[in-house]
C-alpha atoms as a PDB file:
ATOM      1  CA  MET A   1      -0.082   0.011   0.061  1.00  0.00           C
ATOM      2  CA  ALA A   2       1.277   3.514  -0.838  1.00  0.00           C
ATOM      3  CA  ASP A   3       1.627   5.770   2.039  1.00  0.00           C
ATOM      4  CA  GLN A   4      -0.180   9.016   2.243  1.00  0.00           C
ATOM      5  CA  LEU A   5       1.778  11.955   0.731  1.00  0.00           C
ATOM      6  CA  ASP A   6       2.630  14.787   3.075  1.00  0.00           C
ATOM      7  CA  PRO A   7       0.204  17.639   2.350  1.00  0.00           C
ATOM      8  CA  LYS A   8       3.255  20.110   1.814  1.00  0.00           C
ATOM      9  CA  LEU A   9       4.811  17.633  -0.878  1.00  0.00           C
ATOM     10  CA  ALA A  10       1.415  17.376  -2.389  1.00  0.00           C
ATOM     11  CA  ARG A  11       0.982  21.095  -2.687  1.00  0.00           C
ATOM     12  CA  GLN A  12       4.690  21.616  -4.048  1.00  0.00           C
ATOM     13  CA  GLY A  13       3.587  18.939  -6.690  1.00  0.00           C
ATOM     14  CA  ARG A  14       0.573  20.700  -7.724  1.00  0.00           C
ATOM     15  CA  VAL A  15       2.398  23.894  -8.138  1.00  0.00           C
ATOM     16  CA  ALA A  16       5.168  22.114 -10.242  1.00  0.00           C
ATOM     17  CA  ALA A  17       2.687  20.656 -12.225  1.00  0.00           C
ATOM     18  CA  LEU A  18       0.883  24.028 -12.826  1.00  0.00           C
ATOM     19  CA  VAL A  19       4.217  25.775 -13.655  1.00  0.00           C
ATOM     20  CA  ILE A  20       4.940  22.883 -16.345  1.00  0.00           C
ATOM     21  CA  ALA A  21       1.604  23.508 -18.002  1.00  0.00           C
ATOM     22  CA  GLY A  22       1.887  27.115 -17.775  1.00  0.00           C
ATOM     23  CA  ALA A  23       5.337  26.937 -19.476  1.00  0.00           C
ATOM     24  CA  ALA A  24       4.178  24.465 -22.149  1.00  0.00           C
ATOM     25  CA  LEU A  25       1.373  26.970 -23.206  1.00  0.00           C
ATOM     26  CA  LEU A  26       3.700  29.843 -23.149  1.00  0.00           C
ATOM     27  CA  SER A  27       6.253  27.848 -25.395  1.00  0.00           C
ATOM     28  CA  ILE A  28       3.447  26.985 -27.773  1.00  0.00           C
ATOM     29  CA  PHE A  29       1.807  30.455 -28.048  1.00  0.00           C
ATOM     30  CA  SER A  30       4.854  32.693 -27.941  1.00  0.00           C
ATOM     31  CA  PRO A  31       4.895  33.170 -31.693  1.00  0.00           C
ATOM     32  CA  VAL A  32       1.152  34.146 -31.459  1.00  0.00           C
ATOM     33  CA  ILE A  33       1.856  36.443 -28.453  1.00  0.00           C
ATOM     34  CA  VAL A  34       4.710  38.219 -30.288  1.00  0.00           C
ATOM     35  CA  THR A  35       2.965  38.601 -33.684  1.00  0.00           C
ATOM     36  CA  GLY A  36      -0.404  39.587 -32.168  1.00  0.00           C
ATOM     37  CA  LEU A  37       1.291  42.511 -30.103  1.00  0.00           C
ATOM     38  CA  GLY A  38       3.278  43.546 -32.916  1.00  0.00           C
ATOM     39  CA  LEU A  39       6.654  42.809 -31.048  1.00  0.00           C
ATOM     40  CA  PRO A  40      10.176  42.274 -32.586  1.00  0.00           C
ATOM     41  CA  ARG A  41      10.907  38.637 -32.913  1.00  0.00           C
ATOM     42  CA  ARG A  42      13.806  38.653 -30.204  1.00  0.00           C
ATOM     43  CA  PHE A  43      10.896  38.866 -27.532  1.00  0.00           C
ATOM     44  CA  GLU A  44       9.729  35.516 -28.742  1.00  0.00           C
ATOM     45  CA  ILE A  45      13.306  34.115 -27.783  1.00  0.00           C
ATOM     46  CA  LEU A  46      12.844  36.009 -24.452  1.00  0.00           C
ATOM     47  CA  LEU A  47       9.433  34.228 -23.841  1.00  0.00           C
ATOM     48  CA  LEU A  48      10.975  30.849 -24.752  1.00  0.00           C
ATOM     49  CA  LEU A  49      13.560  31.556 -22.323  1.00  0.00           C
ATOM     50  CA  PHE A  50      11.212  32.201 -19.558  1.00  0.00           C
ATOM     51  CA  ALA A  51       9.372  28.832 -20.446  1.00  0.00           C
ATOM     52  CA  LEU A  52      12.850  26.908 -20.239  1.00  0.00           C
ATOM     53  CA  ALA A  53      13.590  28.497 -16.898  1.00  0.00           C
ATOM     54  CA  ALA A  54      10.066  27.566 -15.639  1.00  0.00           C
ATOM     55  CA  PHE A  55      10.850  23.918 -16.999  1.00  0.00           C
ATOM     56  CA  ILE A  56      14.071  24.001 -15.104  1.00  0.00           C
ATOM     57  CA  TRP A  57      12.636  24.958 -11.949  1.00  0.00           C
ATOM     58  CA  ALA A  58       9.838  22.493 -11.916  1.00  0.00           C
ATOM     59  CA  LEU A  59      12.476  19.736 -12.646  1.00  0.00           C
ATOM     60  CA  VAL A  60      14.300  20.715  -9.605  1.00  0.00           C
ATOM     61  CA  VAL A  61      11.318  20.825  -7.620  1.00  0.00           C
ATOM     62  CA  ALA A  62      10.207  17.357  -8.803  1.00  0.00           C
ATOM     63  CA  ILE A  63      13.534  15.882  -7.925  1.00  0.00           C
ATOM     64  CA  ARG A  64      13.294  17.241  -4.555  1.00  0.00           C
ATOM     65  CA  ILE A  65       9.831  16.085  -4.060  1.00  0.00           C
ATOM     66  CA  TRP A  66      10.972  12.707  -5.254  1.00  0.00           C
ATOM     67  CA  GLN A  67      13.874  12.547  -2.821  1.00  0.00           C
ATOM     68  CA  LYS A  68      11.690  13.537   0.033  1.00  0.00           C
ATOM     69  CA  SER A  69       9.150  10.917  -0.728  1.00  0.00           C
ATOM     70  CA  ARG A  70      11.609   8.347  -0.947  1.00  0.00           C
ATOM     71  CA  ASP A  71      13.202   9.168   2.351  1.00  0.00           C
ATOM     72  CA  ASN A  72      10.016   8.510   4.101  1.00  0.00           C
END
């Protein structure tokens, strides 16, 4: 039987999942956002870098959650 996950770890997991979903949407829609606002193409790269940073942050959080749940 699986032990109950700590509520704090569960909340961190939900936040990481939302960040992953938001970063995915940002990376998909960044060309549409840039052309819709009439911005130069370099802002698309900036939005993609923000999405990449969010993915990396979520990966670090997921690894920490995995390590904490493995210790219990």
